[in-house]
Protein backbone atom coordinates (compact mmCIF):
# COMPACT_ATOMS: atom_id res chain seq x y z
CA MET A 1 120.07 69.02 129.66
CA ALA A 2 116.28 68.98 130.03
CA PRO A 3 114.33 68.54 126.76
CA ARG A 4 112.51 71.85 127.28
CA THR A 5 115.80 73.69 127.80
CA ALA A 6 117.33 72.10 124.73
CA ASN A 7 114.22 73.00 122.77
CA SER A 8 114.42 76.64 123.88
CA LEU A 9 118.13 76.94 123.09
CA ALA A 10 117.67 75.31 119.71
CA THR A 11 114.79 77.65 118.89
CA TRP A 12 116.84 80.74 119.67
CA ALA A 13 119.79 79.27 117.75
CA ILE A 14 117.60 78.76 114.70
CA ARG A 15 116.21 82.31 114.94
CA ALA A 16 119.71 83.80 115.15
CA THR A 17 120.99 81.54 112.38
CA LEU A 18 118.03 82.38 110.15
CA LEU A 19 118.74 86.08 110.55
CA ALA A 20 122.37 85.46 109.58
CA ILE A 21 121.22 83.49 106.53
CA ILE A 22 118.97 86.34 105.44
CA LEU A 23 121.78 88.88 105.78
CA LEU A 24 124.12 86.69 103.74
CA SER A 25 121.72 85.26 101.17
CA VAL A 26 119.50 88.08 99.88
CA GLY A 27 122.18 89.19 97.43
CA ASN A 28 125.93 89.29 96.85
CA PHE A 29 127.75 92.16 98.50
CA VAL A 30 129.41 94.79 96.37
CA GLY A 31 133.06 94.10 95.48
CA SER A 32 134.82 96.40 97.96
CA ILE A 33 132.61 95.30 100.86
CA ASN A 34 132.95 91.66 99.88
CA GLU A 35 136.75 91.92 99.73
CA THR A 36 136.84 93.58 103.16
CA LEU A 37 134.63 90.95 104.76
CA THR A 38 136.08 87.90 103.03
CA GLN A 39 139.72 88.98 102.87
CA GLY A 40 139.89 87.97 99.22
CA LEU A 41 138.49 84.47 99.73
CA PRO A 42 136.15 83.61 96.83
CA TYR A 43 132.61 82.41 97.55
CA LEU A 44 133.02 82.96 101.30
CA GLN A 45 129.64 84.70 101.53
CA GLN A 46 127.89 81.73 99.91
CA SER A 47 129.92 79.24 101.94
CA LEU A 48 128.93 80.94 105.19
CA GLY A 49 125.30 80.90 104.13
CA LEU A 50 125.45 77.15 103.47
CA THR A 51 127.23 76.61 106.79
CA PHE A 52 124.40 78.34 108.60
CA TRP A 53 121.87 76.13 106.80
CA VAL A 54 123.77 73.12 108.17
CA VAL A 55 123.44 74.68 111.64
CA VAL A 56 119.68 74.94 111.05
CA LEU A 57 119.60 71.25 110.12
CA TYR A 58 121.42 70.31 113.32
CA ALA A 59 119.43 72.60 115.63
CA SER A 60 116.15 71.39 114.18
CA CYS A 61 116.88 67.92 115.57
CA PHE A 62 116.15 69.31 119.06
CA ILE A 63 112.81 70.93 118.17
CA PRO A 64 109.62 68.91 117.77
CA PRO A 65 107.76 69.58 114.50
CA VAL A 66 104.69 71.81 114.54
CA LEU A 67 103.59 70.75 111.04
CA ARG A 68 103.13 67.31 109.55
CA VAL A 69 103.56 67.19 105.78
CA GLU A 70 101.77 64.30 104.15
CA ARG A 71 102.23 62.82 100.71
CA SER A 72 99.62 64.90 98.96
CA PRO A 73 99.77 65.40 95.16
CA ASP A 74 101.34 68.85 95.36
CA ILE A 75 104.05 67.68 97.76
CA VAL A 76 104.81 64.64 95.59
CA ALA A 77 105.02 66.85 92.49
CA GLY A 78 107.31 69.27 94.31
CA LEU A 79 109.55 66.44 95.48
CA VAL A 80 109.77 64.98 91.97
CA PHE A 81 110.62 68.39 90.49
CA PHE A 82 113.25 69.08 93.13
CA SER A 83 114.81 65.64 92.67
CA PHE A 84 114.88 66.11 88.90
CA VAL A 85 116.63 69.47 89.25
CA VAL A 86 119.27 68.12 91.64
CA LEU A 87 119.89 65.03 89.51
CA SER A 88 120.14 67.11 86.33
CA VAL A 89 123.76 67.81 87.23
CA ALA A 90 124.38 64.27 85.95
CA TRP A 91 123.83 65.42 82.35
CA SER A 92 125.33 68.90 82.75
CA ASN A 93 128.91 69.75 81.83
CA HIS A 94 130.02 68.47 85.26
CA SER A 95 131.83 71.71 86.03
CA GLY A 96 132.77 72.49 89.61
CA ASP A 97 130.16 75.25 89.70
CA SER A 98 127.40 72.89 88.56
CA VAL A 99 128.24 70.25 91.16
CA MET A 100 128.52 72.80 93.95
CA LYS A 101 125.20 74.40 93.01
CA SER A 102 123.54 70.98 93.09
CA VAL A 103 124.94 70.27 96.57
CA ALA A 104 123.99 73.74 97.78
CA LEU A 105 120.44 73.40 96.46
CA LEU A 106 120.09 70.06 98.25
CA ILE A 107 121.28 71.51 101.57
CA THR A 108 119.20 74.68 101.46
CA THR A 109 116.01 72.92 100.35
CA ILE A 110 116.19 70.28 103.08
CA GLY A 111 117.07 73.01 105.56
CA VAL A 112 114.12 75.22 104.65
CA ILE A 113 111.72 72.26 104.76
CA ARG A 114 112.80 71.42 108.30
CA LEU A 115 112.64 75.11 109.19
CA ALA A 116 109.07 75.43 107.90
CA CYS A 117 108.01 72.35 109.88
CA ARG A 118 109.45 73.69 113.16
CA MET A 119 108.85 77.43 113.10
CA SER A 120 105.64 79.38 112.73
CA LEU A 121 104.99 81.67 109.79
CA ASP A 122 105.04 84.62 112.20
CA ALA A 123 108.55 83.74 113.34
CA ILE A 124 109.88 83.24 109.81
CA VAL A 125 108.32 86.45 108.52
CA GLY A 126 109.51 88.37 111.59
CA CYS A 127 113.12 87.32 111.03
CA THR A 128 112.80 88.17 107.35
CA ILE A 129 111.54 91.68 108.08
CA ILE A 130 114.37 92.31 110.55
CA GLY A 131 116.96 91.07 108.07
CA LEU A 132 115.59 93.17 105.20
CA PHE A 133 115.39 96.20 107.50
CA ILE A 134 119.08 95.84 108.41
CA LEU A 135 120.15 95.36 104.78
CA THR A 136 118.17 98.34 103.48
CA VAL A 137 119.32 100.65 106.29
CA LEU A 138 122.95 99.68 105.68
CA SER A 139 122.44 100.27 101.96
CA LEU A 140 121.10 103.78 102.55
CA VAL A 141 124.03 104.55 104.85
CA VAL A 142 126.50 103.40 102.20
CA VAL A 143 124.71 105.37 99.46
CA LEU A 144 124.74 108.58 101.51
CA LEU A 145 128.19 108.31 103.11
CA PHE A 146 130.11 106.25 100.57
CA PRO A 147 128.54 106.98 97.18
CA ASP A 148 131.60 105.65 95.36
CA ILE A 149 130.57 102.22 96.70
CA GLY A 150 126.79 102.48 97.00
CA VAL A 151 126.03 104.16 93.66
CA ALA A 152 126.52 102.12 90.49
CA THR A 153 128.86 103.40 87.80
CA GLY A 154 128.58 100.53 85.33
CA TRP A 155 127.08 100.44 81.88
CA MET A 156 123.34 101.27 81.79
CA GLN A 157 123.23 101.60 85.60
CA GLU A 158 125.27 104.74 86.21
CA GLY A 159 123.82 106.84 89.00
CA LEU A 160 121.46 104.16 90.29
CA TRP A 161 121.70 102.91 93.85
CA GLN A 162 123.04 99.48 94.66
CA GLY A 163 123.82 100.02 98.34
CA ILE A 164 125.82 97.19 99.88
CA PHE A 165 124.91 94.85 97.00
CA ASP A 166 126.76 94.20 93.77
CA SER A 167 123.72 95.07 91.65
CA LYS A 168 120.79 97.45 91.75
CA GLN A 169 118.44 94.50 91.20
CA SER A 170 119.32 93.05 94.62
CA LEU A 171 118.61 96.35 96.36
CA GLY A 172 115.36 96.83 94.42
CA LEU A 173 114.20 93.32 95.24
CA SER A 174 115.00 93.79 98.93
CA GLY A 175 112.98 96.99 98.97
CA ALA A 176 110.04 95.40 97.15
CA LEU A 177 109.94 92.44 99.54
CA LEU A 178 110.13 94.77 102.54
CA MET A 179 107.19 96.78 101.18
CA PHE A 180 105.09 93.65 100.75
CA LEU A 181 105.93 92.12 104.13
CA ALA A 182 105.43 95.48 105.87
CA CYS A 183 101.89 95.69 104.49
CA HIS A 184 101.14 92.10 105.42
CA ASN A 185 102.51 92.64 108.93
CA ALA A 186 100.38 95.77 109.34
CA LEU A 187 97.22 93.96 108.23
CA ARG A 188 97.98 91.09 110.58
CA ARG A 189 99.27 92.91 113.67
CA GLY A 190 98.61 96.61 113.20
CA GLY A 191 101.18 99.25 114.12
CA LYS A 192 101.01 102.28 111.84
CA ILE A 193 104.39 103.76 112.76
CA GLN A 194 106.23 100.51 112.15
CA PHE A 195 104.40 100.08 108.85
CA LEU A 196 105.20 103.60 107.66
CA VAL A 197 108.90 103.25 108.52
CA LEU A 198 109.31 99.86 106.85
CA PHE A 199 107.19 100.69 103.80
CA ALA A 200 108.89 104.05 103.25
CA LEU A 201 112.34 102.48 103.62
CA GLY A 202 111.50 99.80 101.06
CA ALA A 203 110.00 102.34 98.64
CA ILE A 204 113.08 104.59 98.87
CA CYS A 205 115.35 101.68 98.00
CA VAL A 206 113.12 100.61 95.10
CA ILE A 207 113.02 104.11 93.62
CA GLY A 208 116.71 104.80 94.22
CA SER A 209 117.74 101.54 92.58
CA GLY A 210 115.65 102.34 89.53
CA SER A 211 113.64 99.16 90.13
CA ARG A 212 110.27 100.83 89.82
CA GLY A 213 108.98 97.63 88.29
CA GLY A 214 109.83 95.77 91.50
CA GLY A 215 107.93 98.30 93.55
CA ALA A 216 104.97 98.16 91.18
CA LEU A 217 104.94 94.37 91.50
CA ALA A 218 104.98 94.61 95.28
CA LEU A 219 102.10 97.08 95.23
CA ALA A 220 100.22 94.83 92.79
CA ALA A 221 100.60 91.90 95.18
CA ILE A 222 99.37 94.04 98.09
CA VAL A 223 96.36 95.34 96.16
CA SER A 224 95.54 91.81 95.03
CA CYS A 225 95.55 90.58 98.63
CA TYR A 226 93.26 93.46 99.64
CA LEU A 227 90.84 92.68 96.81
CA SER A 228 90.90 88.99 97.70
CA ARG A 229 89.50 89.88 101.12
CA ARG A 230 86.76 91.96 99.57
CA SER A 231 85.87 89.39 96.91
CA PRO A 232 86.05 85.67 97.81
CA ARG A 233 85.83 84.71 94.14
CA PHE A 234 88.77 86.93 93.23
CA GLY A 235 90.71 85.57 96.18
CA THR A 236 90.17 82.03 95.00
CA LEU A 237 91.25 82.90 91.46
CA LEU A 238 94.37 84.59 92.84
CA ALA A 239 95.65 81.18 93.93
CA PHE A 240 95.94 80.27 90.24
CA GLY A 241 98.06 83.35 89.47
CA PRO A 242 101.33 81.34 89.48
CA ILE A 243 100.11 78.79 86.91
CA ALA A 244 98.61 81.59 84.78
CA MET A 245 101.95 83.41 84.76
CA THR A 246 103.77 80.17 83.97
CA ILE A 247 101.53 79.69 80.94
CA VAL A 248 102.15 83.27 79.80
CA ALA A 249 105.91 82.81 80.22
CA GLY A 250 105.70 79.59 78.22
CA ALA A 251 103.86 81.38 75.42
CA LEU A 252 106.47 84.17 75.34
CA MET A 253 109.31 81.66 75.19
CA ALA A 254 107.53 79.73 72.44
CA TYR A 255 107.18 82.97 70.46
CA ILE A 256 110.89 83.76 70.77
CA MET A 257 111.88 80.22 69.79
CA SER A 258 109.54 80.11 66.79
CA THR A 259 110.39 83.57 65.42
CA GLY A 260 114.02 83.92 66.47
CA HIS A 261 113.31 87.52 67.52
CA ASP A 262 115.39 88.96 70.35
CA TYR A 263 112.57 91.35 71.23
CA LEU A 264 108.87 91.31 71.97
CA PRO A 265 106.57 93.33 69.68
CA TRP A 266 104.35 95.96 71.26
CA PHE A 267 102.30 97.79 68.62
CA ASP A 268 104.96 99.70 66.67
CA ASP A 269 107.68 99.26 69.31
CA GLN A 270 110.15 96.48 70.00
CA LEU A 271 110.53 95.74 73.70
CA ASN A 272 113.85 94.29 74.85
CA PHE A 273 113.58 95.02 78.60
CA THR A 274 117.10 96.48 78.89
CA ASN A 275 118.52 93.84 76.50
CA ARG A 276 117.12 90.97 78.55
CA THR A 277 115.37 89.53 75.51
CA GLN A 278 118.76 89.11 73.83
CA ILE A 279 119.78 86.79 76.66
CA TRP A 280 116.49 84.90 76.45
CA GLU A 281 116.75 84.43 72.69
CA TYR A 282 120.33 83.20 72.89
CA ALA A 283 119.58 80.60 75.56
CA LEU A 284 116.37 79.41 73.90
CA ARG A 285 118.09 79.25 70.50
CA HIS A 286 120.35 76.49 71.81
CA LEU A 287 117.59 74.63 73.63
CA SER A 288 116.88 72.44 70.58
CA GLU A 289 120.20 70.72 71.25
CA ARG A 290 118.81 69.33 74.54
CA ALA A 291 115.11 70.12 74.45
CA LEU A 292 113.88 67.21 76.57
CA PHE A 293 116.12 67.37 79.66
CA GLY A 294 117.95 70.69 79.19
CA PHE A 295 121.60 71.42 79.87
CA GLY A 296 121.47 70.43 83.54
CA LEU A 297 121.69 72.59 86.63
CA ASN A 298 124.05 75.52 85.97
CA GLY A 299 125.23 73.71 82.85
CA PHE A 300 124.65 76.41 80.24
CA TRP A 301 126.60 79.54 81.13
CA THR A 302 129.44 77.47 82.62
CA THR A 303 130.03 75.98 79.16
CA PRO A 304 132.73 78.14 77.50
CA GLU A 305 131.20 77.64 74.05
CA PHE A 306 127.97 79.35 75.07
CA TYR A 307 129.50 81.94 77.38
CA PHE A 308 132.04 83.24 74.89
CA GLY A 309 129.63 82.77 72.00
CA PHE A 310 127.29 85.34 73.52
CA LEU A 311 130.25 87.63 74.24
CA HIS A 312 131.31 87.40 70.60
CA GLU A 313 127.81 88.27 69.36
CA HIS A 314 127.08 91.20 71.67
CA ASP A 315 130.45 92.36 73.07
CA TRP A 316 129.11 91.86 76.60
CA VAL A 317 127.99 88.87 78.62
CA LEU A 318 126.26 88.04 81.90
CA ASP A 319 126.04 84.55 83.36
CA ASN A 320 122.44 85.31 84.27
CA TYR A 321 119.29 84.47 82.31
CA HIS A 322 117.41 87.42 83.80
CA SER A 323 114.31 85.20 83.76
CA GLY A 324 113.56 82.37 86.12
CA TYR A 325 111.32 80.71 83.53
CA VAL A 326 114.06 80.71 80.89
CA ALA A 327 116.44 79.30 83.51
CA ILE A 328 114.13 76.38 84.29
CA LEU A 329 113.46 75.57 80.64
CA THR A 330 117.10 75.86 79.59
CA GLU A 331 118.55 73.86 82.47
CA THR A 332 115.81 71.23 82.97
CA GLY A 333 114.19 71.12 79.53
CA ILE A 334 110.59 70.37 78.68
CA VAL A 335 110.39 67.69 81.37
CA GLY A 336 111.50 70.07 84.13
CA MET A 337 109.26 72.89 82.90
CA THR A 338 106.26 70.55 82.83
CA LEU A 339 106.92 69.39 86.38
CA PHE A 340 107.30 73.01 87.49
CA ALA A 341 103.99 73.97 85.86
CA LEU A 342 102.34 70.99 87.56
CA CYS A 343 103.59 72.23 90.95
CA ALA A 344 102.13 75.70 90.25
CA LEU A 345 98.79 74.19 89.18
CA LEU A 346 98.50 71.93 92.23
CA PHE A 347 99.45 74.87 94.46
CA GLY A 348 96.45 76.74 93.06
CA PHE A 349 94.11 73.83 93.74
CA ARG A 350 95.51 73.40 97.25
CA MET A 351 95.15 77.04 98.25
CA SER A 352 91.71 77.49 96.68
CA TRP A 353 90.50 74.33 98.45
CA LEU A 354 91.81 75.57 101.79
CA ARG A 355 90.12 78.94 101.33
CA THR A 356 86.82 77.50 100.14
CA ASN A 357 86.64 75.14 103.11
CA ARG A 358 87.89 77.80 105.54
CA LEU A 359 90.80 75.64 106.64
CA ILE A 360 93.31 78.47 106.51
CA ALA A 361 93.36 81.85 108.22
CA ALA A 362 92.80 84.80 105.88
CA ALA A 363 96.12 86.37 106.92
CA ASP A 364 98.04 83.17 106.15
CA TYR A 365 96.29 82.82 102.80
CA ASP A 366 97.06 86.40 101.81
CA LEU A 367 100.70 86.02 102.82
CA ILE A 368 101.33 82.75 100.99
CA VAL A 369 99.36 83.51 97.84
CA GLY A 370 100.53 87.13 97.68
CA TYR A 371 104.19 86.18 98.04
CA ALA A 372 103.88 83.39 95.47
CA ASN A 373 102.36 85.79 92.93
CA LEU A 374 105.05 88.36 93.68
CA MET A 375 107.83 85.83 93.11
CA PHE A 376 106.33 84.51 89.88
CA LEU A 377 105.97 88.07 88.60
CA ILE A 378 109.55 89.03 89.48
CA ASN A 379 110.88 85.95 87.72
CA PHE A 380 109.73 87.28 84.37
CA SER A 381 112.74 89.62 84.40
CA GLU A 382 114.98 88.28 87.19
CA THR A 383 116.38 84.83 87.91
CA LEU A 384 115.30 83.69 91.36
CA PHE A 385 113.99 80.21 90.59
CA LEU A 386 116.67 77.52 91.11
CA ARG A 387 118.90 79.94 93.03
CA SER A 388 120.53 77.66 95.58
CA THR A 389 121.67 80.31 98.07
CA ASP A 390 119.05 83.04 97.58
CA PHE A 391 116.73 83.45 100.56
CA SER A 392 113.78 84.77 98.57
CA GLU A 393 113.62 81.42 96.78
CA ALA A 394 113.96 79.57 100.10
CA LEU A 395 111.08 81.63 101.52
CA LEU A 396 108.87 80.56 98.62
CA VAL A 397 109.64 76.91 99.40
CA ALA A 398 108.90 77.51 103.09
CA PHE A 399 105.49 78.97 102.25
CA PHE A 400 104.78 76.07 99.88
CA ILE A 401 105.51 73.58 102.68
CA ALA A 402 103.49 75.59 105.21
CA SER A 403 100.46 75.59 102.92
CA ALA A 404 100.56 71.80 102.63
CA GLY A 405 101.23 70.98 106.28
CA ALA A 406 98.77 69.92 108.97
CA ARG A 407 99.41 71.78 112.22
CA LEU A 408 100.16 69.48 115.13
CA PRO A 409 98.85 70.14 118.67
CA THR A 410 101.33 71.16 121.34
CA SER A 411 101.39 70.42 125.02
CA GLN A 412 100.96 74.10 125.82
CA SER A 413 98.16 75.10 123.48
CA LEU A 414 95.21 73.75 121.57
CA PRO A 415 95.51 73.28 117.83
CA ARG A 416 95.15 76.56 115.97
CA ARG A 417 93.04 76.92 112.88
CA SER A 418 95.87 78.77 111.27
CA LEU A 419 96.74 76.49 108.43
CA THR A 420 95.00 73.15 108.33
CA THR A 421 93.07 71.67 111.20
CA GLN A 422 93.43 68.34 112.89
CA LYS A 423 89.92 67.25 111.98
CA ARG A 424 90.45 67.49 108.24
CA GLN A 425 93.55 65.74 106.94
CA PHE A 426 94.74 65.69 103.36
CA ALA A 427 94.70 62.53 101.33
């Protein structure tokens, strides 16, 4: 087979596989749908997602890279943090779930790095929009035609939409991401009708799921990107949004640990964010037992002592921190949280340097920085960091790699000034 033919086939294989990954990895399907699709086999959805990532790894061997990632400080910090997270399973409870999550995180991270080095941002974002469009349309169909499946009936969620997902949060997040990417796509390519359809579909899912906060965050990211174009200084500061939010999250966690409160004070009110602060307080309360290195990847809620201890205290339990920052601190300790904060800080320096020196297209900058801020905001109340099979986390890694890569010239076109140029290389 000719190299060009193999390249073309591999490219289409990766596009199709990426779409399948998005459909399988945005969120878990609701119980009845999952049972129908998996025929009662546990974790089949996650297993298929990992299998497709392996396909991406194989197909990428036939595609020449379009980005070269050098050993810059931010990449080194990211590699150290990732290695620390994967190796943390060594001091976890060594449960089957912890080991499998470590393996899954290794596969998906390597897969998304190779994907980012061999596909353009346009191609990745295009596949993501198609996948989110399919998932949200299917969710609306299920809500309208099969409300006994698509409308939640559980405690504190009765009457809210969940569509084809097992939780309203997954539907709300899908809608929020679709809103953001629809706006970015419209600013980059135009197309009012396509924008209106995608944005309206995402907004309907956000409102129906009760995740108005997710929609507000998406709108905030969009407005921030718009303001960054109007004000270069604001745009540069926006790159440091992730580290600023990490510092705020650290301060909130320090307050909970020092006071022992399972709420956050707000004038005369006590905010618990739908009982999320109870989960945060419980996890952080036990952090002193392993403050330096944490409980290891997926090593906290899989420990029966902690799982049933929370159940005994509150008469309900979720194996979910409902905060990506609490997840990182609890599972990787102070060392892991410090490395994570360093990655966020270096990301800010990288992006601001690229913008100041005009080494990145405005559309690419808005996409990467806007999405990073959106993800860091969402992780205040949802756990997306360290999710091994969640595509929204993988997309964040892909954008991180794309921002640090130097675009290579191809035989068919001159080097684009889309990310970094060939004339200016990173140290």
